[in-house]
């Protein structure tokens, strides 16, 4: 019967396959393959599965020694001439950020030197490693790196062993490259000049094409720098026709001390390419004669800002001195202590008399504002606001190294209803007038409905920014506790606040608030500790000067209470308000007060004055 029967076609095995089939019985029948340049013979491991290859569910699938089989196929194939490397894929790393993931791996794994780390179109991070021990350590970090956007999600790391994506280099060519690199090192400046590397005379004499834009050349030069020049502080890659810095970015992990970088006269057309070198603390940078510079035209400010987002320490750009942007420095950066910024001071005021007046006003203000009966006592602040006063507030959770908790849900919900956050304008632009409170009565009612607070007095920093004959502007920042636990426990929710007041002068050395803006943001313990450091520095600076006036600043004393959250409240340490200065509760029977309430109610309701009076009389002059 023909082999093309109903049972299907069975392919015929050739002589070599049949020989290898019986080699287990008689090894002498196998060839020594001497004609194959003495390359090692890799034997396929014998499968351990000996049972039937069919069962009730269909053909049985046997996956044995898959990795060994893959390596065998690689070595037998055309790519067998290339070095086997470890390819890593960090799934979904784009959400966390390329630099953040690489930094986490570098902090956790010794000798971490990734080659060509890039973000794929799928949002994954891919890179290569050549060292097996480092590869195993990186693989063990799988599901240990937290996704910043979703802290409950851990990043999965996949490892594969594949042929290198760059070509191998012959030994004689490596020797020439080593000689050229050695000749380019300048001991006096501790720098390596790889300008127009591929046109070096030694390469031309040997007829070699060793341009740095070839991936295999960049990889080998990076290895040489790692082995011999990892201490350099200056590096020039000028004039090498580089259009991508994927492979050059491995230098960030091999020569970590580079502070001066020259990338001029290349083919870089996007600032994102330069961002791949973000791990360096660059202070002097050259990017001239790259296509990316043309995109900014004559807008030097935008160009400088784009560079500072990548290298905030740069003070010398394309041969021109530029001002650093210390606000982009990492919080833990030592440059904050060593840069030529003015020393941190505990606030600013034009003179002690003016400062004393403002401090006394604020002490009285928060003595009434705080307390477990704040919903009632805050009504007394009606007298502290001008008849045309305006009040707005906003709450926002700022990004941090970890998820910032909102705190008590009910408290946060009260804030968010009328939050005038310009970053969320689309949520309130249709009813903006409802979240801007105008008039002393409207303001007093609004602040009475806000959550109870307990301001932490010894965290206050006061800045008096503007003083004229007609008005004064000052800003107060610090920490506060709010919510139901603000008074019953020292572990209540803590928020950072910044409150700006615009005040007008009044007789008898008094002032009235014409504009009040409050900004609130929840913070984590790490932020509180850093704020404590600033406060401590402010105290040390002030201690070297003459003692300041009494009041809020007098209560600012060195303490470790911020970290322990055991600070006395404003009510405990603030002096009682004097009768002549403290805002008093308004009298509903006062005709002037009643008229102000009528006008305010008429503006809000749109009713005529007589109808507004009638409504207020029916409610016994209860504005709420």
Protein backbone atom coordinates (compact mmCIF):
# COMPACT_ATOMS: atom_id res chain seq x y z
CA UNK A 1 0.00 0.00 0.00
CA UNK A 2 1.31 3.40 -0.83
CA UNK A 3 2.59 5.65 1.94
CA UNK A 4 0.10 8.28 0.72
CA UNK A 5 -2.77 6.37 2.29
CA UNK A 6 -5.45 7.53 4.60
CA UNK A 7 -3.03 7.77 7.52
CA UNK A 8 -1.22 10.67 5.95
CA UNK A 9 2.17 11.32 4.43
CA UNK A 10 5.26 10.38 6.43
CA UNK A 11 8.36 12.36 5.41
CA UNK A 12 11.34 10.25 4.51
CA UNK A 13 14.43 10.65 6.69
CA UNK A 14 17.79 11.24 5.07
CA UNK A 15 20.92 9.22 5.77
CA UNK A 16 22.32 11.59 8.41
CA UNK A 17 19.08 11.63 10.38
CA UNK A 18 18.89 7.83 10.39
CA UNK A 19 22.53 7.62 11.44
CA UNK A 20 21.99 9.99 14.36
CA UNK A 21 18.95 7.93 15.34
CA UNK A 22 21.05 4.82 16.06
CA UNK A 23 24.07 6.66 17.44
CA UNK A 24 22.91 5.90 20.95
CA UNK A 25 23.36 2.16 20.21
CA UNK A 26 26.66 2.37 18.35
CA UNK A 27 28.59 5.66 18.75
CA UNK A 28 31.14 4.56 16.12
CA UNK A 29 28.68 5.21 13.31
CA UNK A 30 28.73 8.96 13.97
CA UNK A 31 31.10 11.19 12.06
CA UNK A 32 33.88 13.11 13.80
CA UNK A 33 33.07 16.10 11.53
CA UNK A 34 36.73 16.90 11.01
CA UNK A 35 35.81 18.75 7.83
CA UNK A 36 33.75 21.26 9.84
CA UNK A 37 36.75 23.24 11.19
CA UNK A 38 36.76 21.34 14.47
CA UNK A 39 33.64 23.12 15.75
CA UNK A 40 32.20 21.42 18.82
CA UNK A 41 29.35 18.99 18.27
CA UNK A 42 26.37 19.82 20.42
CA UNK A 43 24.32 16.74 21.18
CA UNK A 44 20.61 17.03 21.58
CA UNK A 45 19.56 15.80 25.03
CA UNK A 46 17.41 12.69 24.96
CA UNK A 47 13.84 13.41 26.02
CA UNK A 48 12.81 11.81 29.27
CA UNK A 49 9.22 11.38 28.19
CA UNK A 50 8.61 7.72 27.31
CA UNK A 51 4.83 7.45 27.53
CA UNK A 52 2.31 7.47 24.68
CA UNK A 53 2.22 10.58 22.53
CA UNK A 54 -1.56 10.51 22.20
CA UNK A 55 -4.24 10.60 24.82
CA UNK A 56 -7.95 11.24 25.05
CA UNK A 57 -7.39 14.97 24.68
CA UNK A 58 -5.32 14.73 21.52
CA UNK A 59 -1.57 14.70 20.82
CA UNK A 60 0.55 15.10 23.93
CA UNK A 61 2.84 18.16 23.95
CA UNK A 62 6.28 17.68 25.34
CA UNK A 63 8.28 20.80 26.22
CA UNK A 64 11.64 19.53 27.38
CA UNK A 65 14.89 21.48 27.50
CA UNK A 66 13.43 24.35 25.51
CA UNK A 67 16.20 26.76 26.48
CA UNK A 68 18.93 24.27 25.56
CA UNK A 69 17.24 23.57 22.25
CA UNK A 70 17.03 27.31 21.50
CA UNK A 71 20.73 27.84 22.25
CA UNK A 72 21.61 24.83 20.11
CA UNK A 73 19.69 26.22 17.18
CA UNK A 74 21.34 29.61 17.66
CA UNK A 75 24.84 28.14 17.68
CA UNK A 76 24.15 26.00 14.63
CA UNK A 77 22.63 28.90 12.70
CA UNK A 78 24.17 31.90 11.04
CA UNK A 79 23.98 33.97 14.25
CA UNK A 80 26.20 31.49 16.04
CA UNK A 81 29.17 33.72 15.29
CA UNK A 82 27.75 36.41 17.58
CA UNK A 83 28.08 36.56 21.34
CA UNK A 84 25.10 35.38 23.34
CA UNK A 85 23.75 38.16 25.57
CA UNK A 86 20.84 38.53 27.98
CA UNK A 87 17.90 40.54 26.75
CA UNK A 88 15.61 41.98 29.42
CA UNK A 89 12.09 43.29 29.01
CA UNK A 90 10.49 45.24 31.85
CA UNK A 91 6.77 45.16 31.11
CA UNK A 92 4.91 48.46 31.34
CA UNK A 93 8.00 50.39 32.47
CA UNK A 94 6.98 53.48 30.49
CA UNK A 95 4.36 54.34 33.12
CA UNK A 96 6.99 54.44 35.86
CA UNK A 97 9.64 56.02 33.63
CA UNK A 98 12.77 54.71 32.00
CA UNK A 99 15.16 56.56 34.29
CA UNK A 100 13.26 55.61 37.43
CA UNK A 101 13.33 51.88 36.61
CA UNK A 102 17.01 51.93 35.65
CA UNK A 103 17.84 53.85 38.82
CA UNK A 104 15.97 51.30 40.94
CA UNK A 105 17.85 48.43 39.31
CA UNK A 106 21.21 50.21 39.66
CA UNK A 107 20.56 50.78 43.38
CA UNK A 108 19.64 47.13 43.91
CA UNK A 109 22.07 45.28 41.63
CA UNK A 110 25.85 45.56 41.72
CA UNK A 111 27.73 46.02 38.45
CA UNK A 112 24.54 46.97 36.61
CA UNK A 113 25.64 48.22 33.18
CA UNK A 114 22.77 47.98 30.70
CA UNK A 115 23.41 48.24 26.98
CA UNK A 116 20.97 50.22 24.81
CA UNK A 117 18.10 50.73 27.29
CA UNK A 118 15.09 51.91 25.26
CA UNK A 119 11.33 52.18 25.67
CA UNK A 120 9.50 50.12 23.04
CA UNK A 121 6.30 51.23 21.27
CA UNK A 122 4.41 48.87 23.60
CA UNK A 123 5.60 50.81 26.65
CA UNK A 124 8.15 48.21 27.78
CA UNK A 125 11.78 48.83 28.69
CA UNK A 126 14.35 46.69 26.88
CA UNK A 127 18.09 46.44 27.47
CA UNK A 128 20.96 43.95 27.23
CA UNK A 129 23.48 42.56 29.71
CA UNK A 130 26.56 40.46 29.08
CA UNK A 131 27.43 39.30 32.60
CA UNK A 132 25.56 36.19 33.78
CA UNK A 133 25.74 37.01 37.51
CA UNK A 134 24.32 40.49 36.93
CA UNK A 135 21.64 39.01 34.69
CA UNK A 136 20.54 36.59 37.41
CA UNK A 137 20.41 39.42 39.94
CA UNK A 138 18.27 41.57 37.63
CA UNK A 139 15.94 38.64 36.95
CA UNK A 140 15.45 38.22 40.70
CA UNK A 141 14.15 41.83 40.83
CA UNK A 142 11.05 40.81 38.88
CA UNK A 143 7.87 42.00 40.61
CA UNK A 144 9.89 43.95 43.18
CA UNK A 145 9.77 47.36 41.47
CA UNK A 146 6.60 49.34 42.14
CA UNK A 147 4.72 51.11 39.37
CA UNK A 148 4.52 54.80 40.39
CA UNK A 149 1.18 55.30 38.68
CA UNK A 150 -0.29 52.22 40.36
CA UNK A 151 1.55 51.30 43.59
CA UNK A 152 -0.29 47.98 43.83
CA UNK A 153 1.20 46.93 40.49
CA UNK A 154 4.68 45.34 40.45
CA UNK A 155 6.76 45.40 37.26
CA UNK A 156 7.44 42.03 35.65
CA UNK A 157 10.94 41.40 34.24
CA UNK A 158 11.44 38.86 31.45
CA UNK A 159 14.89 37.51 30.51
CA UNK A 160 15.91 35.81 27.28
CA UNK A 161 19.28 34.70 25.97
CA UNK A 162 19.72 35.78 22.37
CA UNK A 163 22.53 36.57 19.94
CA UNK A 164 23.84 40.12 20.30
CA UNK A 165 22.20 42.63 17.99
CA UNK A 166 25.63 44.09 17.19
CA UNK A 167 28.32 42.46 15.09
CA UNK A 168 31.47 40.93 16.61
CA UNK A 169 34.82 42.70 16.20
CA UNK A 170 38.02 40.90 15.26
CA UNK A 171 40.89 40.95 17.71
CA UNK A 172 43.24 42.89 15.45
CA UNK A 173 40.63 45.64 15.03
CA UNK A 174 40.10 45.77 18.80
CA UNK A 175 43.81 46.35 19.27
CA UNK A 176 43.72 49.36 16.95
CA UNK A 177 40.64 50.79 18.70
CA UNK A 178 42.36 50.40 22.07
CA UNK A 179 45.40 52.25 20.79
CA UNK A 180 43.27 55.13 19.50
CA UNK A 181 41.28 55.44 22.73
CA UNK A 182 44.48 55.50 24.78
CA UNK A 183 45.86 58.31 22.62
CA UNK A 184 42.71 60.40 23.16
CA UNK A 185 42.92 60.58 26.97
CA UNK A 186 44.06 63.88 28.49
CA UNK A 187 45.49 63.41 31.96
CA UNK A 188 45.63 67.14 32.73
CA UNK A 189 41.89 67.68 32.23
CA UNK A 190 40.88 64.12 33.13
CA UNK A 191 38.85 63.95 29.94
CA UNK A 192 38.48 61.68 26.92
CA UNK A 193 38.28 63.33 23.50
CA UNK A 194 36.51 61.07 21.00
CA UNK A 195 35.92 63.86 18.49
CA UNK A 196 35.53 62.48 14.93
CA UNK A 197 36.65 59.11 16.25
CA UNK A 198 36.21 57.21 12.99
CA UNK A 199 38.53 59.55 11.05
CA UNK A 200 41.54 58.96 13.28
CA UNK A 201 44.78 58.58 11.29
CA UNK A 202 45.40 55.08 12.63
CA UNK A 203 42.08 53.87 11.26
CA UNK A 204 42.71 55.49 7.90
CA UNK A 205 46.17 53.94 7.64
CA UNK A 206 44.71 50.50 8.37
CA UNK A 207 41.72 51.05 6.08
CA UNK A 208 39.25 50.46 8.93
CA UNK A 209 35.74 51.84 9.35
CA UNK A 210 35.42 52.36 13.11
CA UNK A 211 32.86 55.16 13.29
CA UNK A 212 31.14 55.54 16.64
CA UNK A 213 27.67 55.45 15.07
CA UNK A 214 28.28 51.73 14.45
CA UNK A 215 26.75 49.92 17.40
CA UNK A 216 29.52 47.35 17.82
CA UNK A 217 32.16 50.11 17.95
CA UNK A 218 30.22 52.09 20.57
CA UNK A 219 29.76 48.94 22.68
CA UNK A 220 33.46 48.09 22.60
CA UNK A 221 34.56 51.68 23.28
CA UNK A 222 32.17 51.73 26.26
CA UNK A 223 33.82 48.57 27.58
CA UNK A 224 37.26 50.17 27.25
CA UNK A 225 36.09 53.28 29.09
CA UNK A 226 34.62 51.10 31.83
CA UNK A 227 37.86 49.16 32.24
CA UNK A 228 40.37 52.01 31.98
CA UNK A 229 38.75 55.46 32.16
CA UNK A 230 35.63 55.17 34.33
CA UNK A 231 36.90 58.12 36.43
CA UNK A 232 36.83 60.76 33.67
CA UNK A 233 34.94 64.01 34.26
CA UNK A 234 34.92 65.21 30.65
CA UNK A 235 33.82 63.45 27.45
CA UNK A 236 33.63 64.68 23.87
CA UNK A 237 31.55 62.84 21.25
CA UNK A 238 31.70 65.75 18.83
CA UNK A 239 31.40 65.18 15.08
CA UNK A 240 30.56 61.46 15.08
CA UNK A 241 27.32 61.67 13.04
CA UNK A 242 25.32 60.26 15.94
CA UNK A 243 21.58 60.26 15.29
CA UNK A 244 20.68 58.04 18.22
CA UNK A 245 22.14 57.77 21.71
CA UNK A 246 20.68 54.36 22.57
CA UNK A 247 24.05 52.61 22.71
CA UNK A 248 25.88 55.70 23.98
CA UNK A 249 23.57 55.77 27.01
CA UNK A 250 25.42 52.77 28.48
CA UNK A 251 28.26 55.21 29.24
CA UNK A 252 26.08 56.74 31.97
CA UNK A 253 26.55 53.54 33.99
CA UNK A 254 30.23 53.10 33.14
CA UNK A 255 31.66 56.60 33.58
CA UNK A 256 29.44 58.02 36.29
CA UNK A 257 31.50 61.15 37.10
CA UNK A 258 31.16 62.95 33.76
CA UNK A 259 30.28 66.64 34.27
CA UNK A 260 31.33 68.12 30.92
CA UNK A 261 29.85 66.72 27.70
CA UNK A 262 30.28 67.75 24.07
CA UNK A 263 27.65 66.43 21.62
CA UNK A 264 28.02 69.18 19.02
CA UNK A 265 28.19 68.58 15.25
CA UNK A 266 26.12 65.40 15.34
CA UNK A 267 22.78 64.44 13.79
CA UNK A 268 20.58 64.61 16.89
CA UNK A 269 17.15 65.88 15.85
CA UNK A 270 15.19 65.46 19.09
CA UNK A 271 15.85 66.63 22.64
CA UNK A 272 14.51 63.24 23.76
CA UNK A 273 17.74 61.66 22.51
CA UNK A 274 19.74 63.81 24.93
CA UNK A 275 17.34 62.78 27.70
CA UNK A 276 18.74 59.23 27.45
CA UNK A 277 21.88 60.57 29.18
CA UNK A 278 19.90 62.04 32.07
CA UNK A 279 21.78 60.03 34.70
CA UNK A 280 24.85 62.27 34.38
CA UNK A 281 25.31 65.40 36.51
CA UNK A 282 26.29 67.57 33.55
CA UNK A 283 27.42 71.13 34.28
CA UNK A 284 28.89 72.09 30.90
CA UNK A 285 27.13 71.00 27.71
CA UNK A 286 27.62 71.59 23.99
CA UNK A 287 24.76 70.81 21.57
CA UNK A 288 25.38 73.34 18.82
CA UNK A 289 25.11 72.29 15.16
CA UNK A 290 22.51 69.60 15.85
CA UNK A 291 19.12 69.57 14.15
CA UNK A 292 17.31 69.79 17.48
CA UNK A 293 18.67 73.32 18.03
CA UNK A 294 16.86 74.57 14.92
CA UNK A 295 13.49 73.67 16.42
CA UNK A 296 13.86 76.39 19.05
CA UNK A 297 14.82 79.11 16.56
CA UNK A 298 15.76 82.28 18.40
CA UNK A 299 13.92 81.30 21.60
CA UNK A 300 16.95 80.89 23.84
CA UNK A 301 14.79 80.71 26.96
CA UNK A 302 12.81 77.69 25.71
CA UNK A 303 16.03 75.99 24.61
CA UNK A 304 17.67 76.54 27.99
CA UNK A 305 14.56 75.36 29.84
CA UNK A 306 14.43 72.17 27.77
CA UNK A 307 18.06 71.44 28.61
CA UNK A 308 17.55 72.21 32.31
CA UNK A 309 14.71 69.69 32.50
CA UNK A 310 17.32 67.05 31.65
CA UNK A 311 20.44 68.53 33.24
CA UNK A 312 19.35 71.12 35.87
CA UNK A 313 22.96 71.78 36.96
CA UNK A 314 24.08 73.10 33.55
CA UNK A 315 25.54 76.59 33.95
CA UNK A 316 27.49 76.66 30.67
CA UNK A 317 25.51 75.87 27.50
CA UNK A 318 27.00 76.06 24.00
CA UNK A 319 29.74 78.38 25.21
CA UNK A 320 27.38 80.75 27.05
CA UNK A 321 26.95 81.06 30.81
CA UNK A 322 23.37 80.34 31.91
CA UNK A 323 21.67 80.41 35.30
CA UNK A 324 20.97 77.08 36.95
CA UNK A 325 17.47 76.04 37.92
CA UNK A 326 17.79 74.70 41.49
CA UNK A 327 14.06 74.06 41.69
CA UNK A 328 14.54 71.12 39.31
CA UNK A 329 17.20 69.53 41.50
CA UNK A 330 16.20 66.31 43.27
CA UNK A 331 15.22 66.89 46.90
CA UNK A 332 18.18 64.89 48.19
CA UNK A 333 20.68 66.53 45.83
CA UNK A 334 23.81 67.75 47.53
CA UNK A 335 23.86 70.74 45.17
CA UNK A 336 21.12 72.26 47.32
CA UNK A 337 23.71 72.66 50.05
CA UNK A 338 26.68 73.59 47.87
CA UNK A 339 25.12 75.89 45.27
CA UNK A 340 25.49 79.66 45.55
CA UNK A 341 21.91 80.21 46.64
CA UNK A 342 21.17 82.63 49.47
CA UNK A 343 20.97 80.97 52.89
CA UNK A 344 17.52 79.88 53.97
CA UNK A 345 15.92 82.39 56.34
CA UNK A 346 12.83 82.16 58.56
CA UNK A 347 10.80 84.61 56.55
CA UNK A 348 11.23 88.18 55.36
CA UNK A 349 9.94 91.54 56.53
CA UNK A 350 10.96 95.14 55.76
CA UNK A 351 11.22 96.02 59.45
CA UNK A 352 10.60 94.67 62.95
CA UNK A 353 7.67 97.01 63.71
CA UNK A 354 5.74 95.92 60.64
CA UNK A 355 6.55 92.30 61.32
CA UNK A 356 5.35 92.59 64.90
CA UNK A 357 2.04 94.05 63.73
CA UNK A 358 1.46 91.21 61.24
CA UNK A 359 2.49 88.51 63.73
CA UNK A 360 0.09 89.85 66.34
CA UNK A 361 -2.72 89.96 63.79
CA UNK A 362 -2.05 86.35 62.72
CA UNK A 363 -1.86 85.13 66.32
CA UNK A 364 -5.29 86.59 67.00
CA UNK A 365 -6.64 85.35 63.68
CA UNK A 366 -5.66 81.70 64.21
CA UNK A 367 -6.59 81.78 67.89
CA UNK A 368 -10.16 82.34 66.69
CA UNK A 369 -9.88 80.23 63.50
CA UNK A 370 -8.68 77.05 65.27
CA UNK A 371 -10.36 75.01 67.96
CA UNK A 372 -13.00 72.31 68.36
CA UNK A 373 -15.70 75.02 68.18
CA UNK A 374 -14.34 76.52 64.98
CA UNK A 375 -17.69 76.33 63.22
CA UNK A 376 -18.96 78.90 65.74
CA UNK A 377 -15.87 80.96 66.58
CA UNK A 378 -14.94 81.57 62.94
CA UNK A 379 -18.07 83.70 62.58
CA UNK A 380 -16.23 86.24 64.73
CA UNK A 381 -13.74 86.75 61.88
CA UNK A 382 -16.44 88.73 60.08
CA UNK A 383 -14.82 91.85 61.56
CA UNK A 384 -11.38 90.87 60.23
CA UNK A 385 -12.48 91.09 56.57
CA UNK A 386 -13.24 94.15 54.51
CA UNK A 387 -16.75 94.60 53.13
CA UNK A 388 -15.38 93.90 49.63
CA UNK A 389 -13.17 90.98 50.66
CA UNK A 390 -12.63 87.94 48.43
CA UNK A 391 -11.74 84.41 49.56
CA UNK A 392 -10.77 81.33 47.53
CA UNK A 393 -9.05 78.10 48.39
CA UNK A 394 -7.68 75.08 46.54
CA UNK A 395 -6.61 71.59 47.54
CA UNK A 396 -4.38 69.43 45.41
CA UNK A 397 -2.30 66.30 45.92
CA UNK A 398 1.18 66.96 44.58
CA UNK A 399 3.17 64.07 43.04
CA UNK A 400 5.71 62.39 45.30
CA UNK A 401 7.98 59.35 45.39
CA UNK A 402 5.07 57.36 46.79
CA UNK A 403 1.29 57.57 46.84
CA UNK A 404 0.10 60.51 48.93
CA UNK A 405 -3.01 59.62 50.98
CA UNK A 406 -5.92 62.05 50.97
CA UNK A 407 -6.57 61.59 54.67
CA UNK A 408 -10.09 61.50 56.05
CA UNK A 409 -12.52 61.01 53.15
CA UNK A 410 -15.22 63.26 54.59
CA UNK A 411 -12.74 66.06 55.25
CA UNK A 412 -11.25 65.84 51.78
CA UNK A 413 -14.73 65.75 50.27
CA UNK A 414 -15.64 69.03 51.97
CA UNK A 415 -12.53 70.71 50.59
CA UNK A 416 -12.92 69.39 47.07
CA UNK A 417 -16.48 70.72 46.61
CA UNK A 418 -15.36 74.35 46.34
CA UNK A 419 -11.70 73.90 45.44
CA UNK A 420 -10.58 76.65 43.05
CA UNK A 421 -7.74 74.57 41.59
CA UNK A 422 -6.60 76.10 38.30
CA UNK A 423 -5.15 72.73 37.28
CA UNK A 424 -8.71 71.36 37.30
CA UNK A 425 -10.41 74.31 35.65
CA UNK A 426 -12.63 72.11 33.48
CA UNK A 427 -14.42 70.87 36.61
CA UNK A 428 -15.53 74.27 37.91
CA UNK A 429 -15.39 76.76 35.03
CA UNK A 430 -19.19 76.60 34.56
CA UNK A 431 -19.93 77.61 38.16
CA UNK A 432 -16.84 79.60 39.09
CA UNK A 433 -18.82 82.38 40.78
CA UNK A 434 -20.09 79.86 43.32
CA UNK A 435 -16.60 79.02 44.57
CA UNK A 436 -15.38 82.62 44.85
CA UNK A 437 -16.65 84.07 48.11
CA UNK A 438 -17.17 87.82 48.17
CA UNK A 439 -17.97 90.08 51.09
CA UNK A 440 -17.16 89.73 54.78
CA UNK A 441 -20.37 87.84 55.56
CA UNK A 442 -19.95 85.37 52.71
CA UNK A 443 -16.33 84.73 53.65
CA UNK A 444 -17.16 84.21 57.33
CA UNK A 445 -19.86 81.70 56.42
CA UNK A 446 -17.54 79.83 54.04
CA UNK A 447 -14.65 79.42 56.47
CA UNK A 448 -17.12 78.34 59.18
CA UNK A 449 -18.12 75.38 57.01
CA UNK A 450 -14.56 74.24 56.31
CA UNK A 451 -13.15 71.32 58.36
CA UNK A 452 -11.89 72.07 61.85
CA UNK A 453 -8.17 72.79 61.97
CA UNK A 454 -5.33 72.85 64.46
CA UNK A 455 -2.41 74.83 63.02
CA UNK A 456 1.07 73.77 64.14
CA UNK A 457 2.44 77.11 65.23
CA UNK A 458 6.16 76.34 65.29
CA UNK A 459 6.11 75.42 61.60
CA UNK A 460 5.05 78.90 60.48
CA UNK A 461 7.18 80.88 58.03
CA UNK A 462 6.06 84.45 57.35
CA UNK A 463 7.05 86.53 54.31
CA UNK A 464 5.92 90.14 53.97
CA UNK A 465 6.33 90.64 50.23
CA UNK A 466 4.70 93.99 49.41
CA UNK A 467 4.14 97.14 51.47
CA UNK A 468 2.66 100.40 50.13
CA UNK A 469 0.64 103.26 51.58
CA UNK A 470 -2.58 101.62 50.38
CA UNK A 471 -2.04 97.90 51.08
CA UNK A 472 0.24 95.15 52.35
CA UNK A 473 0.74 91.56 51.09
CA UNK A 474 2.13 88.74 53.21
CA UNK A 475 2.24 84.95 52.93
CA UNK A 476 2.17 82.39 55.71
CA UNK A 477 3.10 78.74 55.22
CA UNK A 478 3.33 75.79 57.56
CA UNK A 479 1.62 72.59 58.67
CA UNK A 480 -1.81 71.94 60.13
CA UNK A 481 -3.94 69.08 61.34
CA UNK A 482 -7.56 68.84 60.25
CA UNK A 483 -10.50 66.51 60.36
CA UNK A 484 -12.17 64.73 63.26
CA UNK A 485 -8.84 63.69 64.83
CA UNK A 486 -7.28 67.16 64.79
CA UNK A 487 -7.82 67.66 68.54
CA UNK A 488 -8.42 64.20 69.96
CA UNK A 489 -5.10 62.76 68.73
CA UNK A 490 -1.65 63.89 67.67
CA UNK A 491 -1.82 61.42 64.79
CA UNK A 492 -4.48 63.32 62.86
CA UNK A 493 -4.22 64.12 59.17
CA UNK A 494 -1.42 66.59 58.44
CA UNK A 495 -1.43 68.95 55.49
CA UNK A 496 0.86 71.66 54.22
CA UNK A 497 -0.78 75.05 53.79
CA UNK A 498 0.19 78.32 52.16
CA UNK A 499 -2.06 81.29 52.86
CA UNK A 500 -1.67 84.68 51.18
CA UNK A 501 -3.32 87.79 52.60
CA UNK A 502 -3.79 91.20 51.02
CA UNK A 503 -4.74 93.67 53.77
CA UNK A 504 -5.73 97.32 53.93
CA UNK A 505 -4.81 99.78 56.71
CA UNK A 506 -7.48 100.79 59.21
CA UNK A 507 -7.52 103.36 62.05
CA UNK A 508 -5.98 102.59 65.43
CA UNK A 509 -3.13 100.62 63.84
CA UNK A 510 -5.46 97.88 62.62
CA UNK A 511 -5.69 96.05 59.30
CA UNK A 512 -8.55 94.42 57.35
CA UNK A 513 -8.30 91.54 54.87
CA UNK A 514 -9.30 92.40 51.31
CA UNK A 515 -8.12 89.15 49.71
CA UNK A 516 -7.46 85.72 51.25
CA UNK A 517 -6.11 82.77 49.22
CA UNK A 518 -5.55 79.37 50.85
CA UNK A 519 -3.65 76.45 49.29
CA UNK A 520 -3.74 72.99 50.92
CA UNK A 521 -1.92 69.80 50.00
CA UNK A 522 -1.65 66.44 51.80
CA UNK A 523 1.92 65.36 52.48
CA UNK A 524 3.78 62.20 53.44
CA UNK A 525 6.16 61.74 56.35
CA UNK A 526 9.21 62.21 54.11
CA UNK A 527 8.03 65.68 53.12
CA UNK A 528 7.46 66.62 56.75
CA UNK A 529 11.02 65.56 57.60
CA UNK A 530 12.44 67.70 54.78
CA UNK A 531 10.30 70.63 55.90
CA UNK A 532 11.65 70.13 59.41
CA UNK A 533 15.18 70.40 58.00
CA UNK A 534 14.34 73.77 56.43
CA UNK A 535 12.82 75.00 59.69
CA UNK A 536 15.91 73.91 61.64
CA UNK A 537 18.17 75.79 59.23
CA UNK A 538 15.95 78.86 59.57
CA UNK A 539 16.25 78.73 63.35
CA UNK A 540 20.03 78.39 63.16
CA UNK A 541 20.22 81.35 60.81
CA UNK A 542 18.04 83.50 63.03
CA UNK A 543 19.99 82.52 66.16
CA UNK A 544 23.08 84.15 64.65
CA UNK A 545 21.22 87.44 64.37
CA UNK A 546 19.56 89.67 66.93
CA UNK A 547 16.50 88.23 68.66
CA UNK A 548 13.33 89.03 66.76
CA UNK A 549 10.11 90.44 68.17
CA UNK A 550 7.70 88.37 70.18
CA UNK A 551 4.73 86.67 68.60
CA UNK A 552 4.65 83.85 66.06
CA UNK A 553 8.38 83.92 65.42
CA UNK A 554 9.12 83.84 69.15
CA UNK A 555 7.32 80.50 69.33
CA UNK A 556 9.61 79.07 66.66
CA UNK A 557 12.11 77.08 68.72
CA UNK A 558 14.36 74.10 67.82
CA UNK A 559 12.36 70.92 68.23
CA UNK A 560 12.18 67.36 67.00
CA UNK A 561 8.42 67.45 67.24
CA UNK A 562 7.79 67.62 63.50
CA UNK A 563 9.13 64.14 62.91
CA UNK A 564 7.28 62.81 65.98
CA UNK A 565 4.10 64.76 65.23
CA UNK A 566 4.01 66.03 68.84
CA UNK A 567 3.84 69.79 68.32
CA UNK A 568 1.75 72.08 70.49
CA UNK A 569 -1.17 73.67 68.68
CA UNK A 570 -1.63 77.36 68.08
CA UNK A 571 -4.29 77.47 70.76
CA UNK A 572 -1.87 76.17 73.39
CA UNK A 573 0.98 78.56 72.69
CA UNK A 574 -0.56 81.66 71.15
CA UNK A 575 -1.09 84.61 73.50
CA UNK A 576 -4.72 85.53 74.19
CA UNK A 577 -5.99 88.32 71.96
CA UNK A 578 -6.05 91.75 73.53
CA UNK A 579 -9.45 93.47 73.72
CA UNK A 580 -8.30 96.39 71.58
CA UNK A 581 -6.99 94.29 68.70
CA UNK A 582 -8.94 91.02 68.61
CA UNK A 583 -11.75 90.79 66.07
CA UNK A 584 -15.03 90.69 67.95
CA UNK A 585 -18.21 88.75 67.20
CA UNK A 586 -20.63 90.77 65.11
CA UNK A 587 -23.87 92.01 66.65
CA UNK A 588 -26.92 91.04 64.60
CA UNK A 589 -28.89 93.93 66.08
CA UNK A 590 -26.40 96.48 64.76
CA UNK A 591 -28.07 98.35 61.83
CA UNK A 592 -24.74 98.56 59.96
CA UNK A 593 -24.26 94.82 60.26
CA UNK A 594 -27.83 94.17 59.15
CA UNK A 595 -27.40 96.43 56.12
CA UNK A 596 -24.19 94.59 55.13
CA UNK A 597 -26.03 91.27 55.42
CA UNK A 598 -28.90 92.55 53.29
CA UNK A 599 -26.60 93.77 50.52
CA UNK A 600 -24.58 90.55 50.58
CA UNK A 601 -27.71 88.37 50.48
CA UNK A 602 -29.18 90.47 47.67
CA UNK A 603 -26.06 89.99 45.54
CA UNK A 604 -26.10 86.23 46.04
CA UNK A 605 -29.83 85.66 45.59
CA UNK A 606 -30.56 88.29 42.97
CA UNK A 607 -33.54 89.57 44.99
CA UNK A 608 -34.30 93.18 45.68
CA UNK A 609 -33.09 94.74 48.92
CA UNK A 610 -36.53 94.84 50.54
CA UNK A 611 -37.14 91.15 49.81
CA UNK A 612 -33.68 90.30 51.08
CA UNK A 613 -34.44 92.14 54.33
CA UNK A 614 -37.73 90.28 54.67
CA UNK A 615 -36.02 86.88 54.22
CA UNK A 616 -33.33 87.68 56.78
CA UNK A 617 -35.88 88.92 59.30
CA UNK A 618 -37.87 85.70 58.86
CA UNK A 619 -34.69 83.71 59.60
CA UNK A 620 -33.84 85.87 62.64
CA UNK A 621 -30.89 87.36 60.75
CA UNK A 622 -29.22 83.95 60.37
CA UNK A 623 -27.25 84.41 57.16
CA UNK A 624 -26.81 80.65 56.59
